[in-house]
PDB file of all heavy atoms in Angstrom:
ATOM      1  N   GLY A   1       1.983  23.047  19.929  1.00  0.00           N
ATOM      2  CA  GLY A   1       3.172  23.490  19.212  1.00  0.00           C
ATOM      3  C   GLY A   1       3.259  22.843  17.852  1.00  0.00           C
ATOM      4  O   GLY A   1       2.774  21.689  17.641  1.00  0.00           O
ATOM      5  N   VAL A   2       3.919  23.552  16.922  1.00  0.00           N
ATOM      6  CA  VAL A   2       4.058  23.061  15.558  1.00  0.00           C
ATOM      7  C   VAL A   2       4.889  21.801  15.465  1.00  0.00           C
ATOM      8  O   VAL A   2       4.466  20.810  14.847  1.00  0.00           O
ATOM      9  CB  VAL A   2       4.639  24.155  14.650  1.00  0.00           C
ATOM     10  CG1 VAL A   2       4.992  23.626  13.270  1.00  0.00           C
ATOM     11  CG2 VAL A   2       3.650  25.349  14.505  1.00  0.00           C
ATOM     12  N   PRO A   3       6.067  21.739  16.064  1.00  0.00           N
ATOM     13  CA  PRO A   3       6.872  20.487  15.973  1.00  0.00           C
ATOM     14  C   PRO A   3       6.137  19.259  16.520  1.00  0.00           C
ATOM     15  O   PRO A   3       6.185  18.185  15.909  1.00  0.00           O
ATOM     16  CB  PRO A   3       8.122  20.790  16.781  1.00  0.00           C
ATOM     17  CG  PRO A   3       8.262  22.274  16.790  1.00  0.00           C
ATOM     18  CD  PRO A   3       6.845  22.750  16.823  1.00  0.00           C
ATOM     19  N   ALA A   4       5.482  19.416  17.669  1.00  0.00           N
ATOM     20  CA  ALA A   4       4.768  18.303  18.257  1.00  0.00           C
ATOM     21  C   ALA A   4       3.652  17.802  17.329  1.00  0.00           C
ATOM     22  O   ALA A   4       3.450  16.597  17.169  1.00  0.00           O
ATOM     23  CB  ALA A   4       4.165  18.676  19.611  1.00  0.00           C
ATOM     24  N   THR A   5       2.961  18.724  16.697  1.00  0.00           N
ATOM     25  CA  THR A   5       1.890  18.356  15.772  1.00  0.00           C
ATOM     26  C   THR A   5       2.466  17.627  14.590  1.00  0.00           C
ATOM     27  O   THR A   5       1.916  16.604  14.121  1.00  0.00           O
ATOM     28  CB  THR A   5       1.095  19.597  15.331  1.00  0.00           C
ATOM     29  OG1 THR A   5       0.640  20.267  16.457  1.00  0.00           O
ATOM     30  CG2 THR A   5      -0.049  19.193  14.404  1.00  0.00           C
ATOM     31  N   GLN A   6       3.593  18.117  14.063  1.00  0.00           N
ATOM     32  CA  GLN A   6       4.212  17.419  12.937  1.00  0.00           C
ATOM     33  C   GLN A   6       4.728  16.067  13.289  1.00  0.00           C
ATOM     34  O   GLN A   6       4.639  15.114  12.543  1.00  0.00           O
ATOM     35  CB  GLN A   6       5.336  18.344  12.340  1.00  0.00           C
ATOM     36  CG  GLN A   6       4.753  19.542  11.624  1.00  0.00           C
ATOM     37  CD  GLN A   6       5.862  20.428  11.068  1.00  0.00           C
ATOM     38  OE1 GLN A   6       6.876  20.734  11.737  1.00  0.00           O
ATOM     39  NE2 GLN A   6       5.667  20.859   9.826  1.00  0.00           N
ATOM     40  N   PHE A   7       5.348  15.898  14.479  1.00  0.00           N
ATOM     41  CA  PHE A   7       5.810  14.590  14.898  1.00  0.00           C
ATOM     42  C   PHE A   7       4.652  13.655  15.040  1.00  0.00           C
ATOM     43  O   PHE A   7       4.714  12.457  14.672  1.00  0.00           O
ATOM     44  CB  PHE A   7       6.568  14.738  16.216  1.00  0.00           C
ATOM     45  CG  PHE A   7       7.941  15.279  16.122  1.00  0.00           C
ATOM     46  CD1 PHE A   7       8.354  16.315  16.929  1.00  0.00           C
ATOM     47  CD2 PHE A   7       8.866  14.746  15.152  1.00  0.00           C
ATOM     48  CE1 PHE A   7       9.654  16.862  16.811  1.00  0.00           C
ATOM     49  CE2 PHE A   7      10.143  15.281  15.054  1.00  0.00           C
ATOM     50  CZ  PHE A   7      10.526  16.310  15.885  1.00  0.00           C
ATOM     51  N   ALA A   8       3.514  14.099  15.579  1.00  0.00           N
ATOM     52  CA  ALA A   8       2.306  13.274  15.671  1.00  0.00           C
ATOM     53  C   ALA A   8       1.832  12.842  14.312  1.00  0.00           C
ATOM     54  O   ALA A   8       1.457  11.691  14.073  1.00  0.00           O
ATOM     55  CB  ALA A   8       1.204  14.027  16.421  1.00  0.00           C
ATOM     56  N   ALA A   9       1.889  13.745  13.318  1.00  0.00           N
ATOM     57  CA  ALA A   9       1.507  13.421  11.936  1.00  0.00           C
ATOM     58  C   ALA A   9       2.424  12.342  11.366  1.00  0.00           C
ATOM     59  O   ALA A   9       1.998  11.392  10.677  1.00  0.00           O
ATOM     60  CB  ALA A   9       1.499  14.691  11.062  1.00  0.00           C
ATOM     61  N   VAL A  10       3.710  12.461  11.632  1.00  0.00           N
ATOM     62  CA  VAL A  10       4.702  11.477  11.173  1.00  0.00           C
ATOM     63  C   VAL A  10       4.379  10.108  11.747  1.00  0.00           C
ATOM     64  O   VAL A  10       4.329   9.089  10.984  1.00  0.00           O
ATOM     65  CB  VAL A  10       6.139  11.896  11.561  1.00  0.00           C
ATOM     66  CG1 VAL A  10       7.113  10.756  11.386  1.00  0.00           C
ATOM     67  CG2 VAL A  10       6.537  13.102  10.722  1.00  0.00           C
ATOM     68  N   VAL A  11       4.125   9.995  12.998  1.00  0.00           N
ATOM     69  CA  VAL A  11       3.803   8.745  13.658  1.00  0.00           C
ATOM     70  C   VAL A  11       2.538   8.144  13.071  1.00  0.00           C
ATOM     71  O   VAL A  11       2.484   6.925  12.787  1.00  0.00           O
ATOM     72  CB  VAL A  11       3.676   8.923  15.195  1.00  0.00           C
ATOM     73  CG1 VAL A  11       3.114   7.672  15.798  1.00  0.00           C
ATOM     74  CG2 VAL A  11       5.005   9.313  15.796  1.00  0.00           C
ATOM     75  N   LEU A  12       1.506   8.964  12.881  1.00  0.00           N
ATOM     76  CA  LEU A  12       0.261   8.487  12.313  1.00  0.00           C
ATOM     77  C   LEU A  12       0.422   7.906  10.889  1.00  0.00           C
ATOM     78  O   LEU A  12      -0.070   6.844  10.587  1.00  0.00           O
ATOM     79  CB  LEU A  12      -0.805   9.620  12.328  1.00  0.00           C
ATOM     80  CG  LEU A  12      -2.170   9.236  11.861  1.00  0.00           C
ATOM     81  CD1 LEU A  12      -2.746   8.081  12.689  1.00  0.00           C
ATOM     82  CD2 LEU A  12      -3.098  10.422  11.892  1.00  0.00           C
ATOM     83  N   ILE A  13       1.189   8.638  10.057  1.00  0.00           N
ATOM     84  CA  ILE A  13       1.451   8.121   8.711  1.00  0.00           C
ATOM     85  C   ILE A  13       2.160   6.790   8.737  1.00  0.00           C
ATOM     86  O   ILE A  13       1.767   5.843   8.044  1.00  0.00           O
ATOM     87  CB  ILE A  13       2.310   9.185   7.943  1.00  0.00           C
ATOM     88  CG1 ILE A  13       1.481  10.435   7.678  1.00  0.00           C
ATOM     89  CG2 ILE A  13       2.826   8.580   6.630  1.00  0.00           C
ATOM     90  CD1 ILE A  13       2.293  11.598   7.161  1.00  0.00           C
ATOM     91  N   ILE A  14       3.171   6.667   9.588  1.00  0.00           N
ATOM     92  CA  ILE A  14       3.957   5.430   9.616  1.00  0.00           C
ATOM     93  C   ILE A  14       3.103   4.257  10.154  1.00  0.00           C
ATOM     94  O   ILE A  14       3.135   3.147   9.652  1.00  0.00           O
ATOM     95  CB  ILE A  14       5.227   5.622  10.464  1.00  0.00           C
ATOM     96  CG1 ILE A  14       6.165   6.589   9.709  1.00  0.00           C
ATOM     97  CG2 ILE A  14       5.909   4.289  10.734  1.00  0.00           C
ATOM     98  CD1 ILE A  14       7.388   7.010  10.527  1.00  0.00           C
ATOM     99  N   VAL A  15       2.305   4.518  11.220  1.00  0.00           N
ATOM    100  CA  VAL A  15       1.502   3.469  11.810  1.00  0.00           C
ATOM    101  C   VAL A  15       0.467   2.958  10.853  1.00  0.00           C
ATOM    102  O   VAL A  15       0.253   1.772  10.671  1.00  0.00           O
ATOM    103  CB  VAL A  15       0.850   3.954  13.125  1.00  0.00           C
ATOM    104  CG1 VAL A  15      -0.223   2.963  13.602  1.00  0.00           C
ATOM    105  CG2 VAL A  15       1.898   4.152  14.215  1.00  0.00           C
ATOM    106  N   VAL A  16      -0.278   3.906  10.186  1.00  0.00           N
ATOM    107  CA  VAL A  16      -1.238   3.490   9.242  1.00  0.00           C
ATOM    108  C   VAL A  16      -0.656   2.696   8.063  1.00  0.00           C
ATOM    109  O   VAL A  16      -1.203   1.677   7.637  1.00  0.00           O
ATOM    110  CB  VAL A  16      -2.064   4.702   8.732  1.00  0.00           C
ATOM    111  CG1 VAL A  16      -2.966   4.313   7.597  1.00  0.00           C
ATOM    112  CG2 VAL A  16      -2.923   5.295   9.854  1.00  0.00           C
ATOM    113  N   SER A  17       0.486   3.158   7.593  1.00  0.00           N
ATOM    114  CA  SER A  17       1.145   2.418   6.514  1.00  0.00           C
ATOM    115  C   SER A  17       1.571   1.044   6.915  1.00  0.00           C
ATOM    116  O   SER A  17       1.470   0.071   6.162  1.00  0.00           O
ATOM    117  CB  SER A  17       2.357   3.234   5.997  1.00  0.00           C
ATOM    118  OG  SER A  17       1.937   4.468   5.446  1.00  0.00           O
ATOM    119  N   ALA A  18       2.070   0.959   8.173  1.00  0.00           N
ATOM    120  CA  ALA A  18       2.498  -0.363   8.677  1.00  0.00           C
ATOM    121  C   ALA A  18       1.318  -1.348   8.776  1.00  0.00           C
ATOM    122  O   ALA A  18       1.415  -2.507   8.460  1.00  0.00           O
ATOM    123  CB  ALA A  18       3.147  -0.209  10.061  1.00  0.00           C
ATOM    124  N   LEU A  19       0.137  -0.813   9.187  1.00  0.00           N
ATOM    125  CA  LEU A  19      -1.051  -1.641   9.279  1.00  0.00           C
ATOM    126  C   LEU A  19      -1.467  -2.162   7.882  1.00  0.00           C
ATOM    127  O   LEU A  19      -2.005  -3.246   7.769  1.00  0.00           O
ATOM    128  CB  LEU A  19      -2.206  -0.870   9.939  1.00  0.00           C
ATOM    129  CG  LEU A  19      -2.046  -0.541  11.412  1.00  0.00           C
ATOM    130  CD1 LEU A  19      -3.175   0.334  11.904  1.00  0.00           C
ATOM    131  CD2 LEU A  19      -1.959  -1.792  12.222  1.00  0.00           C
ATOM    132  N   CYS A  20      -1.220  -1.360   6.860  1.00  0.00           N
ATOM    133  CA  CYS A  20      -1.561  -1.770   5.532  1.00  0.00           C
ATOM    134  C   CYS A  20      -0.721  -2.961   5.015  1.00  0.00           C
ATOM    135  O   CYS A  20      -1.122  -3.629   4.030  1.00  0.00           O
ATOM    136  CB  CYS A  20      -1.378  -0.633   4.521  1.00  0.00           C
ATOM    137  SG  CYS A  20      -2.602   0.696   4.738  1.00  0.00           S
ATOM    138  N   LEU A  21       0.381  -3.246   5.719  1.00  0.00           N
ATOM    139  CA  LEU A  21       1.208  -4.364   5.347  1.00  0.00           C
ATOM    140  C   LEU A  21       0.716  -5.713   5.879  1.00  0.00           C
ATOM    141  O   LEU A  21       1.275  -6.744   5.538  1.00  0.00           O
ATOM    142  CB  LEU A  21       2.645  -4.111   5.783  1.00  0.00           C
ATOM    143  CG  LEU A  21       3.403  -3.009   5.135  1.00  0.00           C
ATOM    144  CD1 LEU A  21       4.747  -2.768   5.857  1.00  0.00           C
ATOM    145  CD2 LEU A  21       3.648  -3.325   3.634  1.00  0.00           C
ATOM    146  N   ILE A  22      -0.325  -5.681   6.717  1.00  0.00           N
ATOM    147  CA  ILE A  22      -0.774  -6.914   7.340  1.00  0.00           C
ATOM    148  C   ILE A  22      -1.312  -7.891   6.349  1.00  0.00           C
ATOM    149  O   ILE A  22      -0.990  -9.060   6.377  1.00  0.00           O
ATOM    150  CB  ILE A  22      -1.809  -6.577   8.465  1.00  0.00           C
ATOM    151  CG1 ILE A  22      -1.116  -5.866   9.594  1.00  0.00           C
ATOM    152  CG2 ILE A  22      -2.470  -7.871   8.932  1.00  0.00           C
ATOM    153  CD1 ILE A  22      -2.084  -5.373  10.691  1.00  0.00           C
ATOM    154  N   PRO A  23      -2.195  -7.502   5.410  1.00  0.00           N
ATOM    155  CA  PRO A  23      -2.682  -8.465   4.441  1.00  0.00           C
ATOM    156  C   PRO A  23      -1.529  -9.056   3.597  1.00  0.00           C
ATOM    157  O   PRO A  23      -0.720  -8.331   3.012  1.00  0.00           O
ATOM    158  CB  PRO A  23      -3.644  -7.681   3.522  1.00  0.00           C
ATOM    159  CG  PRO A  23      -4.034  -6.518   4.356  1.00  0.00           C
ATOM    160  CD  PRO A  23      -2.851  -6.175   5.215  1.00  0.00           C
ATOM    161  N   ARG A  24      -1.512 -10.361   3.461  1.00  0.00           N
ATOM    162  CA  ARG A  24      -0.373 -11.042   2.769  1.00  0.00           C
ATOM    163  C   ARG A  24      -0.290 -10.573   1.287  1.00  0.00           C
ATOM    164  O   ARG A  24       0.810 -10.396   0.757  1.00  0.00           O
ATOM    165  CB  ARG A  24      -0.541 -12.537   2.850  1.00  0.00           C
ATOM    166  CG  ARG A  24       0.516 -13.322   2.179  1.00  0.00           C
ATOM    167  CD  ARG A  24       0.346 -14.800   2.430  1.00  0.00           C
ATOM    168  NE  ARG A  24       1.402 -15.564   1.727  1.00  0.00           N
ATOM    169  CZ  ARG A  24       1.322 -15.943   0.418  1.00  0.00           C
ATOM    170  NH1 ARG A  24       0.255 -15.630  -0.299  1.00  0.00           N
ATOM    171  NH2 ARG A  24       2.319 -16.622  -0.129  1.00  0.00           N
ATOM    172  N   ASP A  25      -1.463 -10.427   0.627  1.00  0.00           N
ATOM    173  CA  ASP A  25      -1.443 -10.061  -0.768  1.00  0.00           C
ATOM    174  C   ASP A  25      -0.713  -8.719  -1.022  1.00  0.00           C
ATOM    175  O   ASP A  25      -0.132  -8.526  -2.095  1.00  0.00           O
ATOM    176  CB  ASP A  25      -2.879  -9.955  -1.294  1.00  0.00           C
ATOM    177  CG  ASP A  25      -3.500 -11.338  -1.497  1.00  0.00           C
ATOM    178  OD1 ASP A  25      -2.745 -12.310  -1.492  1.00  0.00           O
ATOM    179  OD2 ASP A  25      -4.721 -11.401  -1.620  1.00  0.00           O
ATOM    180  N   ILE A  26      -0.821  -7.815  -0.091  1.00  0.00           N
ATOM    181  CA  ILE A  26      -0.110  -6.518  -0.276  1.00  0.00           C
ATOM    182  C   ILE A  26       1.346  -6.753  -0.456  1.00  0.00           C
ATOM    183  O   ILE A  26       2.017  -6.080  -1.231  1.00  0.00           O
ATOM    184  CB  ILE A  26      -0.331  -5.652   1.001  1.00  0.00           C
ATOM    185  CG1 ILE A  26      -1.828  -5.289   1.119  1.00  0.00           C
ATOM    186  CG2 ILE A  26       0.520  -4.371   0.944  1.00  0.00           C
ATOM    187  CD1 ILE A  26      -2.379  -4.407   0.012  1.00  0.00           C
ATOM    188  N   ARG A  27       1.888  -7.765   0.237  1.00  0.00           N
ATOM    189  CA  ARG A  27       3.352  -8.042   0.177  1.00  0.00           C
ATOM    190  C   ARG A  27       3.775  -8.982  -0.958  1.00  0.00           C
ATOM    191  O   ARG A  27       4.939  -9.077  -1.279  1.00  0.00           O
ATOM    192  CB  ARG A  27       3.788  -8.576   1.510  1.00  0.00           C
ATOM    193  CG  ARG A  27       3.689  -7.537   2.661  1.00  0.00           C
ATOM    194  CD  ARG A  27       4.017  -8.109   4.032  1.00  0.00           C
ATOM    195  NE  ARG A  27       2.840  -8.732   4.638  1.00  0.00           N
ATOM    196  CZ  ARG A  27       2.715 -10.056   4.835  1.00  0.00           C
ATOM    197  NH1 ARG A  27       3.704 -10.869   4.496  1.00  0.00           N
ATOM    198  NH2 ARG A  27       1.651 -10.531   5.405  1.00  0.00           N
ATOM    199  N   THR A  28       2.783  -9.691  -1.513  1.00  0.00           N
ATOM    200  CA  THR A  28       3.183 -10.767  -2.469  1.00  0.00           C
ATOM    201  C   THR A  28       2.762 -10.530  -3.927  1.00  0.00           C
ATOM    202  O   THR A  28       3.283 -11.147  -4.832  1.00  0.00           O
ATOM    203  CB  THR A  28       2.601 -12.107  -2.002  1.00  0.00           C
ATOM    204  OG1 THR A  28       1.151 -11.954  -1.910  1.00  0.00           O
ATOM    205  CG2 THR A  28       3.158 -12.507  -0.658  1.00  0.00           C
ATOM    206  N   ILE A  29       1.773  -9.650  -4.148  1.00  0.00           N
ATOM    207  CA  ILE A  29       1.353  -9.379  -5.563  1.00  0.00           C
ATOM    208  C   ILE A  29       2.502  -8.896  -6.392  1.00  0.00           C
ATOM    209  O   ILE A  29       3.251  -8.002  -5.957  1.00  0.00           O
ATOM    210  CB  ILE A  29       0.180  -8.393  -5.589  1.00  0.00           C
ATOM    211  CG1 ILE A  29      -1.079  -9.081  -5.033  1.00  0.00           C
ATOM    212  CG2 ILE A  29      -0.036  -7.836  -6.950  1.00  0.00           C
ATOM    213  CD1 ILE A  29      -2.259  -8.133  -4.960  1.00  0.00           C
ATOM    214  N   ARG A  30       2.724  -9.483  -7.570  1.00  0.00           N
ATOM    215  CA  ARG A  30       3.816  -9.137  -8.401  1.00  0.00           C
ATOM    216  C   ARG A  30       3.301  -8.435  -9.666  1.00  0.00           C
ATOM    217  O   ARG A  30       2.200  -8.613 -10.065  1.00  0.00           O
ATOM    218  CB  ARG A  30       4.589 -10.402  -8.803  1.00  0.00           C
ATOM    219  CG  ARG A  30       5.323 -11.076  -7.618  1.00  0.00           C
ATOM    220  CD  ARG A  30       5.727 -12.463  -7.987  1.00  0.00           C
ATOM    221  NE  ARG A  30       6.539 -12.521  -9.206  1.00  0.00           N
ATOM    222  CZ  ARG A  30       7.877 -12.685  -9.184  1.00  0.00           C
ATOM    223  NH1 ARG A  30       8.484 -12.777  -8.009  1.00  0.00           N
ATOM    224  NH2 ARG A  30       8.531 -12.724 -10.304  1.00  0.00           N
ATOM    225  N   SER A  31       4.163  -7.655 -10.264  1.00  0.00           N
ATOM    226  CA  SER A  31       3.774  -6.851 -11.427  1.00  0.00           C
ATOM    227  C   SER A  31       3.518  -7.748 -12.631  1.00  0.00           C
ATOM    228  O   SER A  31       2.774  -7.328 -13.513  1.00  0.00           O
ATOM    229  CB  SER A  31       4.874  -5.816 -11.763  1.00  0.00           C
ATOM    230  OG  SER A  31       6.108  -6.490 -11.981  1.00  0.00           O
ATOM    231  N   ASP A  32       4.075  -8.939 -12.719  1.00  0.00           N
ATOM    232  CA  ASP A  32       3.903  -9.799 -13.839  1.00  0.00           C
ATOM    233  C   ASP A  32       2.886 -10.907 -13.615  1.00  0.00           C
ATOM    234  O   ASP A  32       2.794 -11.889 -14.388  1.00  0.00           O
ATOM    235  CB  ASP A  32       5.239 -10.446 -14.283  1.00  0.00           C
ATOM    236  CG  ASP A  32       5.868 -11.224 -13.105  1.00  0.00           C
ATOM    237  OD1 ASP A  32       5.306 -11.209 -11.989  1.00  0.00           O
ATOM    238  OD2 ASP A  32       6.957 -11.795 -13.328  1.00  0.00           O
ATOM    239  N   ASP A  33       2.007 -10.753 -12.614  1.00  0.00           N
ATOM    240  CA  ASP A  33       0.989 -11.778 -12.320  1.00  0.00           C
ATOM    241  C   ASP A  33      -0.109 -11.816 -13.329  1.00  0.00           C
ATOM    242  O   ASP A  33      -0.676 -12.848 -13.622  1.00  0.00           O
ATOM    243  CB  ASP A  33       0.330 -11.552 -10.926  1.00  0.00           C
ATOM    244  CG  ASP A  33       1.302 -11.967  -9.819  1.00  0.00           C
ATOM    245  OD1 ASP A  33       2.193 -12.783 -10.048  1.00  0.00           O
ATOM    246  OD2 ASP A  33       1.121 -11.426  -8.736  1.00  0.00           O
ATOM    247  N   ILE A  34      -0.458 -10.692 -13.911  1.00  0.00           N
ATOM    248  CA  ILE A  34      -1.594 -10.565 -14.824  1.00  0.00           C
ATOM    249  C   ILE A  34      -1.126  -9.881 -16.108  1.00  0.00           C
ATOM    250  O   ILE A  34      -0.396  -8.896 -16.059  1.00  0.00           O
ATOM    251  CB  ILE A  34      -2.755  -9.799 -14.207  1.00  0.00           C
ATOM    252  CG1 ILE A  34      -3.418 -10.663 -13.105  1.00  0.00           C
ATOM    253  CG2 ILE A  34      -3.811  -9.400 -15.206  1.00  0.00           C
ATOM    254  CD1 ILE A  34      -4.568  -9.956 -12.402  1.00  0.00           C
ATOM    255  N   VAL A  35      -1.595 -10.421 -17.277  1.00  0.00           N
ATOM    256  CA  VAL A  35      -1.295  -9.817 -18.541  1.00  0.00           C
ATOM    257  C   VAL A  35      -2.593  -9.165 -19.046  1.00  0.00           C
ATOM    258  O   VAL A  35      -3.575  -9.837 -19.223  1.00  0.00           O
ATOM    259  CB  VAL A  35      -0.767 -10.844 -19.525  1.00  0.00           C
ATOM    260  CG1 VAL A  35      -0.502 -10.224 -20.892  1.00  0.00           C
ATOM    261  CG2 VAL A  35       0.479 -11.557 -19.012  1.00  0.00           C
ATOM    262  N   LEU A  36      -2.560  -7.897 -19.311  1.00  0.00           N
ATOM    263  CA  LEU A  36      -3.733  -7.171 -19.771  1.00  0.00           C
ATOM    264  C   LEU A  36      -3.799  -7.358 -21.296  1.00  0.00           C
ATOM    265  O   LEU A  36      -2.861  -7.136 -22.045  1.00  0.00           O
ATOM    266  CB  LEU A  36      -3.562  -5.686 -19.414  1.00  0.00           C
ATOM    267  CG  LEU A  36      -4.758  -4.787 -19.816  1.00  0.00           C
ATOM    268  CD1 LEU A  36      -5.962  -5.185 -18.962  1.00  0.00           C
ATOM    269  CD2 LEU A  36      -4.401  -3.327 -19.567  1.00  0.00           C
ATOM    270  N   THR A  37      -5.043  -7.755 -21.765  1.00  0.00           N
ATOM    271  CA  THR A  37      -5.287  -7.850 -23.184  1.00  0.00           C
ATOM    272  C   THR A  37      -6.092  -6.659 -23.673  1.00  0.00           C
ATOM    273  O   THR A  37      -5.718  -5.947 -24.607  1.00  0.00           O
ATOM    274  CB  THR A  37      -5.964  -9.162 -23.508  1.00  0.00           C
ATOM    275  OG1 THR A  37      -7.173  -9.270 -22.713  1.00  0.00           O
ATOM    276  CG2 THR A  37      -5.075 -10.343 -23.191  1.00  0.00           C
ATOM    277  N   GLU A  38      -7.220  -6.473 -23.049  1.00  0.00           N
ATOM    278  CA  GLU A  38      -8.028  -5.290 -23.355  1.00  0.00           C
ATOM    279  C   GLU A  38      -8.425  -4.647 -22.034  1.00  0.00           C
ATOM    280  O   GLU A  38      -8.343  -5.329 -20.981  1.00  0.00           O
ATOM    281  CB  GLU A  38      -9.319  -5.720 -24.100  1.00  0.00           C
ATOM    282  CG  GLU A  38      -9.038  -6.231 -25.505  1.00  0.00           C
ATOM    283  CD  GLU A  38     -10.277  -6.624 -26.250  1.00  0.00           C
ATOM    284  OE1 GLU A  38     -11.410  -6.449 -25.650  1.00  0.00           O
ATOM    285  OE2 GLU A  38     -10.192  -7.069 -27.378  1.00  0.00           O
ATOM    286  N   PRO A  39      -8.856  -3.358 -22.043  1.00  0.00           N
ATOM    287  CA  PRO A  39      -9.183  -2.759 -20.749  1.00  0.00           C
ATOM    288  C   PRO A  39     -10.136  -3.598 -19.924  1.00  0.00           C
ATOM    289  O   PRO A  39     -11.206  -3.964 -20.385  1.00  0.00           O
ATOM    290  CB  PRO A  39      -9.836  -1.411 -21.207  1.00  0.00           C
ATOM    291  CG  PRO A  39      -9.171  -1.141 -22.524  1.00  0.00           C
ATOM    292  CD  PRO A  39      -9.007  -2.450 -23.170  1.00  0.00           C
ATOM    293  N   GLY A  40      -9.758  -3.922 -18.736  1.00  0.00           N
ATOM    294  CA  GLY A  40     -10.594  -4.700 -17.850  1.00  0.00           C
ATOM    295  C   GLY A  40     -10.513  -6.213 -18.017  1.00  0.00           C
ATOM    296  O   GLY A  40     -11.078  -6.933 -17.256  1.00  0.00           O
ATOM    297  N   ASP A  41      -9.749  -6.684 -19.020  1.00  0.00           N
ATOM    298  CA  ASP A  41      -9.603  -8.080 -19.217  1.00  0.00           C
ATOM    299  C   ASP A  41      -8.224  -8.575 -18.815  1.00  0.00           C
ATOM    300  O   ASP A  41      -7.267  -7.872 -18.952  1.00  0.00           O
ATOM    301  CB  ASP A  41      -9.806  -8.420 -20.718  1.00  0.00           C
ATOM    302  CG  ASP A  41     -11.269  -8.166 -21.149  1.00  0.00           C
ATOM    303  OD1 ASP A  41     -12.163  -8.190 -20.273  1.00  0.00           O
ATOM    304  OD2 ASP A  41     -11.481  -7.969 -22.331  1.00  0.00           O
ATOM    305  N   ALA A  42      -8.149  -9.789 -18.359  1.00  0.00           N
ATOM    306  CA  ALA A  42      -6.881 -10.412 -17.999  1.00  0.00           C
ATOM    307  C   ALA A  42      -6.928 -11.850 -18.453  1.00  0.00           C
ATOM    308  O   ALA A  42      -7.952 -12.459 -18.553  1.00  0.00           O
ATOM    309  CB  ALA A  42      -6.603 -10.298 -16.548  1.00  0.00           C
ATOM    310  N   VAL A  43      -5.762 -12.403 -18.757  1.00  0.00           N
ATOM    311  CA  VAL A  43      -5.662 -13.790 -19.152  1.00  0.00           C
ATOM    312  C   VAL A  43      -4.847 -14.573 -18.128  1.00  0.00           C
ATOM    313  O   VAL A  43      -4.052 -14.025 -17.388  1.00  0.00           O
ATOM    314  CB  VAL A  43      -4.963 -13.947 -20.549  1.00  0.00           C
ATOM    315  CG1 VAL A  43      -5.812 -13.241 -21.570  1.00  0.00           C
ATOM    316  CG2 VAL A  43      -3.600 -13.396 -20.504  1.00  0.00           C
ATOM    317  N   LEU A  44      -5.133 -15.874 -18.062  1.00  0.00           N
ATOM    318  CA  LEU A  44      -4.400 -16.712 -17.107  1.00  0.00           C
ATOM    319  C   LEU A  44      -2.923 -16.821 -17.548  1.00  0.00           C
ATOM    320  O   LEU A  44      -2.639 -16.818 -18.760  1.00  0.00           O
ATOM    321  CB  LEU A  44      -4.969 -18.127 -17.070  1.00  0.00           C
ATOM    322  CG  LEU A  44      -6.401 -18.203 -16.414  1.00  0.00           C
ATOM    323  CD1 LEU A  44      -6.910 -19.618 -16.571  1.00  0.00           C
ATOM    324  CD2 LEU A  44      -6.358 -17.790 -14.986  1.00  0.00           C
TER     325      LEU A  44
END
């Protein structure tokens, strides 16, 4: 059935996304951690 298939897709999306939260860096990296100077370069 269509609804059952869609509900299964919803569960799969949520489970996979939740697993992506396991690595600590995913949750802690901040937008201001790195300053870009030139393409591919970063400064401390």
